[in-house]
């Protein structure tokens, strides 16, 4: 684990329980958003690959 992450963990430990819950909720939302973005980009890439292999589009 990097020193930066250890520092962040120390700061988190100094937060109140309500602040930690708030932070956890925010992080959860950010991870969901990023995951959805990655999935969407992956789906677009798959669709482009399928289109590129379609004989009608190749013509």
PDB file of N, CA and C in Angstrom:
ATOM      1  N   UNK A   1       0.851  -1.171   0.000  1.00  0.00           N
ATOM      2  CA  UNK A   1       0.000   0.000   0.000  1.00  0.00           C
ATOM      3  C   UNK A   1       0.899   1.237   0.000  1.00  0.00           C
ATOM      4  N   UNK A   2       0.513   2.242  -0.752  1.00  0.00           N
ATOM      5  CA  UNK A   2       1.322   3.450  -0.856  1.00  0.00           C
ATOM      6  C   UNK A   2       1.203   4.316   0.397  1.00  0.00           C
ATOM      7  N   UNK A   3       2.182   5.176   0.577  1.00  0.00           N
ATOM      8  CA  UNK A   3       2.164   6.096   1.725  1.00  0.00           C
ATOM      9  C   UNK A   3       0.954   7.018   1.667  1.00  0.00           C
ATOM     10  N   UNK A   4       0.572   7.400   0.455  1.00  0.00           N
ATOM     11  CA  UNK A   4      -0.577   8.294   0.297  1.00  0.00           C
ATOM     12  C   UNK A   4      -1.848   7.628   0.823  1.00  0.00           C
ATOM     13  N   UNK A   5      -2.011   6.340   0.505  1.00  0.00           N
ATOM     14  CA  UNK A   5      -3.198   5.626   0.989  1.00  0.00           C
ATOM     15  C   UNK A   5      -3.177   5.490   2.508  1.00  0.00           C
ATOM     16  N   UNK A   6      -2.014   5.279   3.063  1.00  0.00           N
ATOM     17  CA  UNK A   6      -1.907   5.198   4.524  1.00  0.00           C
ATOM     18  C   UNK A   6      -2.279   6.529   5.174  1.00  0.00           C
ATOM     19  N   UNK A   7      -1.862   7.621   4.537  1.00  0.00           N
ATOM     20  CA  UNK A   7      -2.218   8.952   5.046  1.00  0.00           C
ATOM     21  C   UNK A   7      -3.732   9.155   4.979  1.00  0.00           C
ATOM     22  N   UNK A   8      -4.326   8.753   3.863  1.00  0.00           N
ATOM     23  CA  UNK A   8      -5.771   8.890   3.708  1.00  0.00           C
ATOM     24  C   UNK A   8      -6.492   8.073   4.772  1.00  0.00           C
ATOM     25  N   UNK A   9      -6.010   6.867   5.016  1.00  0.00           N
ATOM     26  CA  UNK A   9      -6.627   6.024   6.037  1.00  0.00           C
ATOM     27  C   UNK A   9      -6.561   6.685   7.413  1.00  0.00           C
ATOM     28  N   UNK A  10      -5.440   7.305   7.719  1.00  0.00           N
ATOM     29  CA  UNK A  10      -5.315   7.993   9.014  1.00  0.00           C
ATOM     30  C   UNK A  10      -6.310   9.136   9.126  1.00  0.00           C
ATOM     31  N   UNK A  11      -6.467   9.883   8.049  1.00  0.00           N
ATOM     32  CA  UNK A  11      -7.422  10.992   8.057  1.00  0.00           C
ATOM     33  C   UNK A  11      -8.839  10.466   8.223  1.00  0.00           C
ATOM     34  N   UNK A  12      -9.153   9.387   7.519  1.00  0.00           N
ATOM     35  CA  UNK A  12     -10.489   8.793   7.632  1.00  0.00           C
ATOM     36  C   UNK A  12     -10.753   8.350   9.066  1.00  0.00           C
ATOM     37  N   UNK A  13      -9.760   7.770   9.692  1.00  0.00           N
ATOM     38  CA  UNK A  13      -9.912   7.324  11.081  1.00  0.00           C
ATOM     39  C   UNK A  13     -10.190   8.478  12.034  1.00  0.00           C
ATOM     40  N   UNK A  14      -9.763   9.664  11.656  1.00  0.00           N
ATOM     41  CA  UNK A  14      -9.988  10.823  12.523  1.00  0.00           C
ATOM     42  C   UNK A  14     -11.372  11.448  12.321  1.00  0.00           C
ATOM     43  N   UNK A  15     -12.094  11.006  11.303  1.00  0.00           N
ATOM     44  CA  UNK A  15     -13.432  11.537  11.039  1.00  0.00           C
ATOM     45  C   UNK A  15     -14.446  10.936  11.998  1.00  0.00           C
ATOM     46  N   UNK A  16     -15.532  11.661  12.184  1.00  0.00           N
ATOM     47  CA  UNK A  16     -16.627  11.122  12.988  1.00  0.00           C
ATOM     48  C   UNK A  16     -17.303   9.991  12.212  1.00  0.00           C
ATOM     49  N   UNK A  17     -18.115   9.239  12.893  1.00  0.00           N
ATOM     50  CA  UNK A  17     -18.826   8.138  12.245  1.00  0.00           C
ATOM     51  C   UNK A  17     -19.735   8.659  11.131  1.00  0.00           C
ATOM     52  N   UNK A  18     -20.429   9.748  11.360  1.00  0.00           N
ATOM     53  CA  UNK A  18     -21.298  10.334  10.329  1.00  0.00           C
ATOM     54  C   UNK A  18     -20.487  10.777   9.115  1.00  0.00           C
ATOM     55  N   UNK A  19     -19.334  11.350   9.344  1.00  0.00           N
ATOM     56  CA  UNK A  19     -18.475  11.767   8.235  1.00  0.00           C
ATOM     57  C   UNK A  19     -17.956  10.552   7.463  1.00  0.00           C
ATOM     58  N   UNK A  20     -17.618   9.496   8.182  1.00  0.00           N
ATOM     59  CA  UNK A  20     -17.154   8.276   7.522  1.00  0.00           C
ATOM     60  C   UNK A  20     -18.270   7.661   6.676  1.00  0.00           C
ATOM     61  N   UNK A  21     -19.493   7.651   7.202  1.00  0.00           N
ATOM     62  CA  UNK A  21     -20.629   7.132   6.434  1.00  0.00           C
ATOM     63  C   UNK A  21     -20.849   7.969   5.179  1.00  0.00           C
ATOM     64  N   UNK A  22     -20.800   9.284   5.323  1.00  0.00           N
ATOM     65  CA  UNK A  22     -20.972  10.168   4.178  1.00  0.00           C
ATOM     66  C   UNK A  22     -19.911   9.878   3.122  1.00  0.00           C
ATOM     67  N   UNK A  23     -18.662   9.761   3.565  1.00  0.00           N
ATOM     68  CA  UNK A  23     -17.567   9.494   2.655  1.00  0.00           C
ATOM     69  C   UNK A  23     -17.742   8.147   1.958  1.00  0.00           C
ATOM     70  N   UNK A  24     -18.149   7.145   2.701  1.00  0.00           N
ATOM     71  CA  UNK A  24     -18.377   5.825   2.129  1.00  0.00           C
ATOM     72  C   UNK A  24     -19.462   5.869   1.056  1.00  0.00           C
ATOM     73  N   UNK A  25     -20.532   6.590   1.327  1.00  0.00           N
ATOM     74  CA  UNK A  25     -21.606   6.740   0.335  1.00  0.00           C
ATOM     75  C   UNK A  25     -21.109   7.437  -0.921  1.00  0.00           C
ATOM     76  N   UNK A  26     -20.318   8.491  -0.742  1.00  0.00           N
ATOM     77  CA  UNK A  26     -19.763   9.217  -1.891  1.00  0.00           C
ATOM     78  C   UNK A  26     -18.842   8.322  -2.710  1.00  0.00           C
ATOM     79  N   UNK A  27     -17.988   7.585  -2.033  1.00  0.00           N
ATOM     80  CA  UNK A  27     -17.069   6.680  -2.729  1.00  0.00           C
ATOM     81  C   UNK A  27     -17.830   5.588  -3.475  1.00  0.00           C
ATOM     82  N   UNK A  28     -18.868   5.068  -2.847  1.00  0.00           N
ATOM     83  CA  UNK A  28     -19.686   4.042  -3.483  1.00  0.00           C
ATOM     84  C   UNK A  28     -20.306   4.580  -4.768  1.00  0.00           C
ATOM     85  N   UNK A  29     -20.844   5.795  -4.711  1.00  0.00           N
ATOM     86  CA  UNK A  29     -21.446   6.405  -5.894  1.00  0.00           C
ATOM     87  C   UNK A  29     -20.410   6.623  -6.987  1.00  0.00           C
ATOM     88  N   UNK A  30     -19.238   7.100  -6.613  1.00  0.00           N
ATOM     89  CA  UNK A  30     -18.169   7.346  -7.597  1.00  0.00           C
ATOM     90  C   UNK A  30     -17.744   6.045  -8.269  1.00  0.00           C
ATOM     91  N   UNK A  31     -17.616   4.974  -7.499  1.00  0.00           N
ATOM     92  CA  UNK A  31     -17.220   3.675  -8.055  1.00  0.00           C
ATOM     93  C   UNK A  31     -18.299   3.162  -8.999  1.00  0.00           C
ATOM     94  N   UNK A  32     -19.572   3.307  -8.624  1.00  0.00           N
ATOM     95  CA  UNK A  32     -20.673   2.887  -9.496  1.00  0.00           C
ATOM     96  C   UNK A  32     -20.645   3.662 -10.806  1.00  0.00           C
ATOM     97  N   UNK A  33     -20.457   4.979 -10.709  1.00  0.00           N
ATOM     98  CA  UNK A  33     -20.415   5.810 -11.912  1.00  0.00           C
ATOM     99  C   UNK A  33     -19.277   5.391 -12.824  1.00  0.00           C
ATOM    100  N   UNK A  34     -18.108   5.182 -12.241  1.00  0.00           N
ATOM    101  CA  UNK A  34     -16.934   4.793 -13.033  1.00  0.00           C
ATOM    102  C   UNK A  34     -17.148   3.423 -13.669  1.00  0.00           C
ATOM    103  N   UNK A  35     -17.724   2.487 -12.923  1.00  0.00           N
ATOM    104  CA  UNK A  35     -18.004   1.151 -13.453  1.00  0.00           C
ATOM    105  C   UNK A  35     -18.980   1.229 -14.614  1.00  0.00           C
ATOM    106  N   UNK A  36     -20.025   2.026 -14.461  1.00  0.00           N
ATOM    107  CA  UNK A  36     -21.009   2.196 -15.534  1.00  0.00           C
ATOM    108  C   UNK A  36     -20.375   2.822 -16.766  1.00  0.00           C
ATOM    109  N   UNK A  37     -19.492   3.778 -16.553  1.00  0.00           N
ATOM    110  CA  UNK A  37     -18.803   4.430 -17.661  1.00  0.00           C
ATOM    111  C   UNK A  37     -17.927   3.425 -18.408  1.00  0.00           C
ATOM    112  N   UNK A  38     -17.192   2.605 -17.668  1.00  0.00           N
ATOM    113  CA  UNK A  38     -16.327   1.601 -18.292  1.00  0.00           C
ATOM    114  C   UNK A  38     -17.158   0.589 -19.071  1.00  0.00           C
ATOM    115  N   UNK A  39     -18.276   0.150 -18.488  1.00  0.00           N
ATOM    116  CA  UNK A  39     -19.162  -0.790 -19.185  1.00  0.00           C
ATOM    117  C   UNK A  39     -19.726  -0.181 -20.461  1.00  0.00           C
ATOM    118  N   UNK A  40     -20.134   1.058 -20.393  1.00  0.00           N
ATOM    119  CA  UNK A  40     -20.698   1.730 -21.567  1.00  0.00           C
ATOM    120  C   UNK A  40     -19.652   1.834 -22.668  1.00  0.00           C
ATOM    121  N   UNK A  41     -18.429   2.210 -22.308  1.00  0.00           N
ATOM    122  CA  UNK A  41     -17.356   2.318 -23.296  1.00  0.00           C
ATOM    123  C   UNK A  41     -17.040   0.951 -23.895  1.00  0.00           C
ATOM    124  N   UNK A  42     -17.056  -0.067 -23.070  1.00  0.00           N
ATOM    125  CA  UNK A  42     -16.793  -1.426 -23.549  1.00  0.00           C
ATOM    126  C   UNK A  42     -17.886  -1.875 -24.509  1.00  0.00           C
ATOM    127  N   UNK A  43     -19.138  -1.568 -24.177  1.00  0.00           N
ATOM    128  CA  UNK A  43     -20.256  -1.927 -25.059  1.00  0.00           C
ATOM    129  C   UNK A  43     -20.145  -1.228 -26.403  1.00  0.00           C
ATOM    130  N   UNK A  44     -19.740   0.032 -26.387  1.00  0.00           N
ATOM    131  CA  UNK A  44     -19.587   0.784 -27.639  1.00  0.00           C
ATOM    132  C   UNK A  44     -18.489   0.147 -28.481  1.00  0.00           C
ATOM    133  N   UNK A  45     -17.381  -0.221 -27.844  1.00  0.00           N
ATOM    134  CA  UNK A  45     -16.288  -0.860 -28.575  1.00  0.00           C
ATOM    135  C   UNK A  45     -16.734  -2.185 -29.180  1.00  0.00           C
ATOM    136  N   UNK A  46     -17.512  -2.958 -28.417  1.00  0.00           N
ATOM    137  CA  UNK A  46     -18.021  -4.233 -28.941  1.00  0.00           C
ATOM    138  C   UNK A  46     -18.950  -4.006 -30.125  1.00  0.00           C
ATOM    139  N   UNK A  47     -19.797  -2.996 -30.035  1.00  0.00           N
ATOM    140  CA  UNK A  47     -20.712  -2.698 -31.136  1.00  0.00           C
ATOM    141  C   UNK A  47     -19.943  -2.278 -32.381  1.00  0.00           C
ATOM    142  N   UNK A  48     -18.885  -1.497 -32.201  1.00  0.00           N
ATOM    143  CA  UNK A  48     -18.069  -1.066 -33.343  1.00  0.00           C
ATOM    144  C   UNK A  48     -17.396  -2.275 -33.988  1.00  0.00           C
ATOM    145  N   UNK A  49     -16.884  -3.187 -33.166  1.00  0.00           N
ATOM    146  CA  UNK A  49     -16.257  -4.396 -33.701  1.00  0.00           C
ATOM    147  C   UNK A  49     -17.267  -5.239 -34.486  1.00  0.00           C
ATOM    148  N   UNK A  50     -18.478  -5.375 -33.955  1.00  0.00           N
ATOM    149  CA  UNK A  50     -19.508  -6.130 -34.660  1.00  0.00           C
ATOM    150  C   UNK A  50     -19.870  -5.465 -35.983  1.00  0.00           C
ATOM    151  N   UNK A  51     -19.980  -4.152 -35.959  1.00  0.00           N
ATOM    152  CA  UNK A  51     -20.303  -3.426 -37.182  1.00  0.00           C
ATOM    153  C   UNK A  51     -19.181  -3.593 -38.210  1.00  0.00           C
ATOM    154  N   UNK A  52     -17.953  -3.526 -37.759  1.00  0.00           N
ATOM    155  CA  UNK A  52     -16.818  -3.627 -38.664  1.00  0.00           C
ATOM    156  C   UNK A  52     -16.739  -5.004 -39.315  1.00  0.00           C
ATOM    157  N   UNK A  53     -17.255  -6.017 -38.645  1.00  0.00           N
ATOM    158  CA  UNK A  53     -17.203  -7.357 -39.215  1.00  0.00           C
ATOM    159  C   UNK A  53     -18.440  -7.688 -40.059  1.00  0.00           C
ATOM    160  N   UNK A  54     -19.403  -6.790 -40.092  1.00  0.00           N
ATOM    161  CA  UNK A  54     -20.630  -7.013 -40.884  1.00  0.00           C
ATOM    162  C   UNK A  54     -20.339  -6.780 -42.367  1.00  0.00           C
ATOM    163  N   UNK A  55     -20.683  -7.745 -43.228  1.00  0.00           N
ATOM    164  CA  UNK A  55     -20.394  -7.604 -44.652  1.00  0.00           C
ATOM    165  C   UNK A  55     -21.030  -6.359 -45.280  1.00  0.00           C
ATOM    166  N   UNK A  56     -22.236  -6.030 -44.878  1.00  0.00           N
ATOM    167  CA  UNK A  56     -22.891  -4.842 -45.446  1.00  0.00           C
ATOM    168  C   UNK A  56     -22.118  -3.577 -45.136  1.00  0.00           C
ATOM    169  N   UNK A  57     -21.607  -3.480 -43.960  1.00  0.00           N
ATOM    170  CA  UNK A  57     -20.866  -2.270 -43.575  1.00  0.00           C
ATOM    171  C   UNK A  57     -19.493  -2.254 -44.222  1.00  0.00           C
ATOM    172  N   UNK A  58     -18.897  -3.430 -44.418  1.00  0.00           N
ATOM    173  CA  UNK A  58     -17.587  -3.486 -45.063  1.00  0.00           C
ATOM    174  C   UNK A  58     -17.653  -3.009 -46.515  1.00  0.00           C
ATOM    175  N   UNK A  59     -18.819  -3.177 -47.146  1.00  0.00           N
ATOM    176  CA  UNK A  59     -18.980  -2.710 -48.536  1.00  0.00           C
ATOM    177  C   UNK A  59     -19.117  -1.229 -48.494  1.00  0.00           C
TER     178      UNK A  59
END
